[in-house]
């Protein structure tokens, strides 16, 4: 995963465990969020101290997570719709390429 520090100062605590990234206690499941196009998840710190995905009044950037588009592998499926005999190749989504995920993270404000 690529990480870019956006501002100087103390960064919020963040961890990456498999495909689960946690920033300031807010979890983002990269595999669940991934789509056929690049996805951007923005996290904000609000005056109440909570972390949200919605930019509310007084909220400031905490992190932006950019998830690359899904890639697919081909798998053989013997279960053809309509009861026909034979097998076909079907696309199966692969796990997110963690090395291609980008985390932009802002320092906590005092």
C-alpha atoms as a PDB file:
ATOM      1  CA  UNK A   1       0.000   0.000   0.000  1.00  0.00           C
ATOM      2  CA  UNK A   2       1.202   3.456  -0.813  1.00  0.00           C
ATOM      3  CA  UNK A   3       0.882   6.044   1.955  1.00  0.00           C
ATOM      4  CA  UNK A   4       1.135   9.816   1.495  1.00  0.00           C
ATOM      5  CA  UNK A   5       1.332  12.147   4.486  1.00  0.00           C
ATOM      6  CA  UNK A   6      -0.682  15.214   3.541  1.00  0.00           C
ATOM      7  CA  UNK A   7       0.225  17.490   6.475  1.00  0.00           C
ATOM      8  CA  UNK A   8       2.946  17.587   9.129  1.00  0.00           C
ATOM      9  CA  UNK A   9       2.137  16.557  12.677  1.00  0.00           C
ATOM     10  CA  UNK A  10       0.877  13.516  14.508  1.00  0.00           C
ATOM     11  CA  UNK A  11      -0.972  11.135  12.232  1.00  0.00           C
ATOM     12  CA  UNK A  12      -4.081   9.337  13.423  1.00  0.00           C
ATOM     13  CA  UNK A  13      -3.550   5.693  14.270  1.00  0.00           C
ATOM     14  CA  UNK A  14      -4.078   3.427  11.287  1.00  0.00           C
ATOM     15  CA  UNK A  15      -3.557  -0.257  10.575  1.00  0.00           C
ATOM     16  CA  UNK A  16      -3.833  -2.605   7.625  1.00  0.00           C
ATOM     17  CA  UNK A  17      -4.785  -6.212   8.327  1.00  0.00           C
ATOM     18  CA  UNK A  18      -5.328  -8.208   5.165  1.00  0.00           C
ATOM     19  CA  UNK A  19      -7.847  -6.174   3.192  1.00  0.00           C
ATOM     20  CA  UNK A  20      -9.164  -4.293   6.228  1.00  0.00           C
ATOM     21  CA  UNK A  21      -7.807  -0.794   6.842  1.00  0.00           C
ATOM     22  CA  UNK A  22      -8.650   0.976  10.087  1.00  0.00           C
ATOM     23  CA  UNK A  23      -8.110   4.734  10.444  1.00  0.00           C
ATOM     24  CA  UNK A  24      -8.824   6.332  13.828  1.00  0.00           C
ATOM     25  CA  UNK A  25     -11.088   3.422  14.696  1.00  0.00           C
ATOM     26  CA  UNK A  26     -13.098   3.543  11.438  1.00  0.00           C
ATOM     27  CA  UNK A  27     -12.850   0.311   9.412  1.00  0.00           C
ATOM     28  CA  UNK A  28     -12.911   0.096   5.619  1.00  0.00           C
ATOM     29  CA  UNK A  29     -13.105  -3.366   4.026  1.00  0.00           C
ATOM     30  CA  UNK A  30     -11.215  -2.927   0.764  1.00  0.00           C
ATOM     31  CA  UNK A  31     -12.602  -6.111  -0.808  1.00  0.00           C
ATOM     32  CA  UNK A  32     -16.188  -5.093   0.010  1.00  0.00           C
ATOM     33  CA  UNK A  33     -15.688  -1.554  -1.344  1.00  0.00           C
ATOM     34  CA  UNK A  34     -13.939  -2.589  -4.587  1.00  0.00           C
ATOM     35  CA  UNK A  35     -15.820  -2.194  -7.874  1.00  0.00           C
ATOM     36  CA  UNK A  36     -15.063  -2.467 -11.600  1.00  0.00           C
ATOM     37  CA  UNK A  37     -13.846   1.137 -11.481  1.00  0.00           C
ATOM     38  CA  UNK A  38     -11.481   2.906  -9.105  1.00  0.00           C
ATOM     39  CA  UNK A  39     -13.188   3.759  -5.807  1.00  0.00           C
ATOM     40  CA  UNK A  40     -12.329   6.609  -3.455  1.00  0.00           C
ATOM     41  CA  UNK A  41     -13.377   6.494   0.193  1.00  0.00           C
ATOM     42  CA  UNK A  42     -13.041   9.786   2.093  1.00  0.00           C
ATOM     43  CA  UNK A  43     -12.946   9.865   5.876  1.00  0.00           C
ATOM     44  CA  UNK A  44     -13.493  13.015   7.913  1.00  0.00           C
ATOM     45  CA  UNK A  45     -12.918  13.944  11.569  1.00  0.00           C
ATOM     46  CA  UNK A  46     -15.817  15.981  12.923  1.00  0.00           C
ATOM     47  CA  UNK A  47     -15.772  18.480  15.811  1.00  0.00           C
ATOM     48  CA  UNK A  48     -17.470  15.859  18.004  1.00  0.00           C
ATOM     49  CA  UNK A  49     -14.353  13.705  17.535  1.00  0.00           C
ATOM     50  CA  UNK A  50     -16.157  11.086  15.490  1.00  0.00           C
ATOM     51  CA  UNK A  51     -15.047   9.765  12.108  1.00  0.00           C
ATOM     52  CA  UNK A  52     -17.538   9.804   9.221  1.00  0.00           C
ATOM     53  CA  UNK A  53     -17.697   9.394   5.462  1.00  0.00           C
ATOM     54  CA  UNK A  54     -19.983  12.428   5.179  1.00  0.00           C
ATOM     55  CA  UNK A  55     -18.486  15.904   5.075  1.00  0.00           C
ATOM     56  CA  UNK A  56     -20.490  17.749   7.700  1.00  0.00           C
ATOM     57  CA  UNK A  57     -20.136  21.260   9.044  1.00  0.00           C
ATOM     58  CA  UNK A  58     -16.760  21.714  10.695  1.00  0.00           C
ATOM     59  CA  UNK A  59     -15.501  18.272   9.627  1.00  0.00           C
ATOM     60  CA  UNK A  60     -11.985  18.038   8.199  1.00  0.00           C
ATOM     61  CA  UNK A  61     -10.167  15.507   6.052  1.00  0.00           C
ATOM     62  CA  UNK A  62      -8.695  12.598   7.946  1.00  0.00           C
ATOM     63  CA  UNK A  63      -7.921  10.171   5.116  1.00  0.00           C
ATOM     64  CA  UNK A  64      -8.660   9.359   1.495  1.00  0.00           C
ATOM     65  CA  UNK A  65      -8.362   5.728   0.449  1.00  0.00           C
ATOM     66  CA  UNK A  66      -8.118   4.997  -3.269  1.00  0.00           C
ATOM     67  CA  UNK A  67      -8.969   1.416  -4.202  1.00  0.00           C
ATOM     68  CA  UNK A  68      -7.961   0.130  -7.663  1.00  0.00           C
ATOM     69  CA  UNK A  69     -10.526  -1.455 -10.002  1.00  0.00           C
ATOM     70  CA  UNK A  70     -11.270  -5.141  -9.579  1.00  0.00           C
ATOM     71  CA  UNK A  71      -9.415  -7.644 -11.696  1.00  0.00           C
ATOM     72  CA  UNK A  72     -10.864 -10.977 -12.704  1.00  0.00           C
ATOM     73  CA  UNK A  73      -9.637 -14.529 -13.165  1.00  0.00           C
ATOM     74  CA  UNK A  74     -11.413 -17.095 -15.322  1.00  0.00           C
ATOM     75  CA  UNK A  75     -12.983 -20.118 -13.669  1.00  0.00           C
ATOM     76  CA  UNK A  76     -14.776 -23.103 -15.170  1.00  0.00           C
ATOM     77  CA  UNK A  77     -18.445 -23.392 -14.293  1.00  0.00           C
ATOM     78  CA  UNK A  78     -20.217 -26.674 -14.974  1.00  0.00           C
ATOM     79  CA  UNK A  79     -23.533 -25.306 -13.761  1.00  0.00           C
ATOM     80  CA  UNK A  80     -25.034 -23.815 -16.916  1.00  0.00           C
ATOM     81  CA  UNK A  81     -28.329 -21.969 -16.688  1.00  0.00           C
ATOM     82  CA  UNK A  82     -31.248 -23.780 -18.274  1.00  0.00           C
ATOM     83  CA  UNK A  83     -29.879 -27.268 -17.543  1.00  0.00           C
ATOM     84  CA  UNK A  84     -27.689 -27.468 -20.625  1.00  0.00           C
ATOM     85  CA  UNK A  85     -24.682 -29.763 -20.472  1.00  0.00           C
ATOM     86  CA  UNK A  86     -21.141 -28.493 -20.753  1.00  0.00           C
ATOM     87  CA  UNK A  87     -18.974 -25.966 -19.034  1.00  0.00           C
ATOM     88  CA  UNK A  88     -18.187 -22.318 -19.553  1.00  0.00           C
ATOM     89  CA  UNK A  89     -15.562 -19.881 -18.337  1.00  0.00           C
ATOM     90  CA  UNK A  90     -16.891 -17.270 -15.947  1.00  0.00           C
ATOM     91  CA  UNK A  91     -15.101 -14.235 -14.510  1.00  0.00           C
ATOM     92  CA  UNK A  92     -14.347 -14.437 -10.795  1.00  0.00           C
ATOM     93  CA  UNK A  93     -13.223 -11.283  -8.947  1.00  0.00           C
ATOM     94  CA  UNK A  94      -9.757 -11.498  -7.434  1.00  0.00           C
ATOM     95  CA  UNK A  95      -8.908  -9.964  -4.055  1.00  0.00           C
ATOM     96  CA  UNK A  96      -7.950  -6.287  -4.112  1.00  0.00           C
ATOM     97  CA  UNK A  97      -4.326  -5.657  -5.041  1.00  0.00           C
ATOM     98  CA  UNK A  98      -3.216  -4.169  -1.711  1.00  0.00           C
ATOM     99  CA  UNK A  99       0.032  -2.893  -3.248  1.00  0.00           C
ATOM    100  CA  UNK A 100      -2.046  -0.654  -5.551  1.00  0.00           C
ATOM    101  CA  UNK A 101      -4.165   0.854  -2.742  1.00  0.00           C
ATOM    102  CA  UNK A 102      -3.274   4.467  -1.882  1.00  0.00           C
ATOM    103  CA  UNK A 103      -3.838   6.068   1.503  1.00  0.00           C
ATOM    104  CA  UNK A 104      -3.615   9.844   1.838  1.00  0.00           C
ATOM    105  CA  UNK A 105      -3.650  10.765   5.520  1.00  0.00           C
ATOM    106  CA  UNK A 106      -3.862  14.116   7.320  1.00  0.00           C
ATOM    107  CA  UNK A 107      -2.351  14.909  10.710  1.00  0.00           C
ATOM    108  CA  UNK A 108      -4.655  15.314  13.693  1.00  0.00           C
ATOM    109  CA  UNK A 109      -5.278  18.943  14.537  1.00  0.00           C
ATOM    110  CA  UNK A 110      -4.496  20.052  18.059  1.00  0.00           C
END
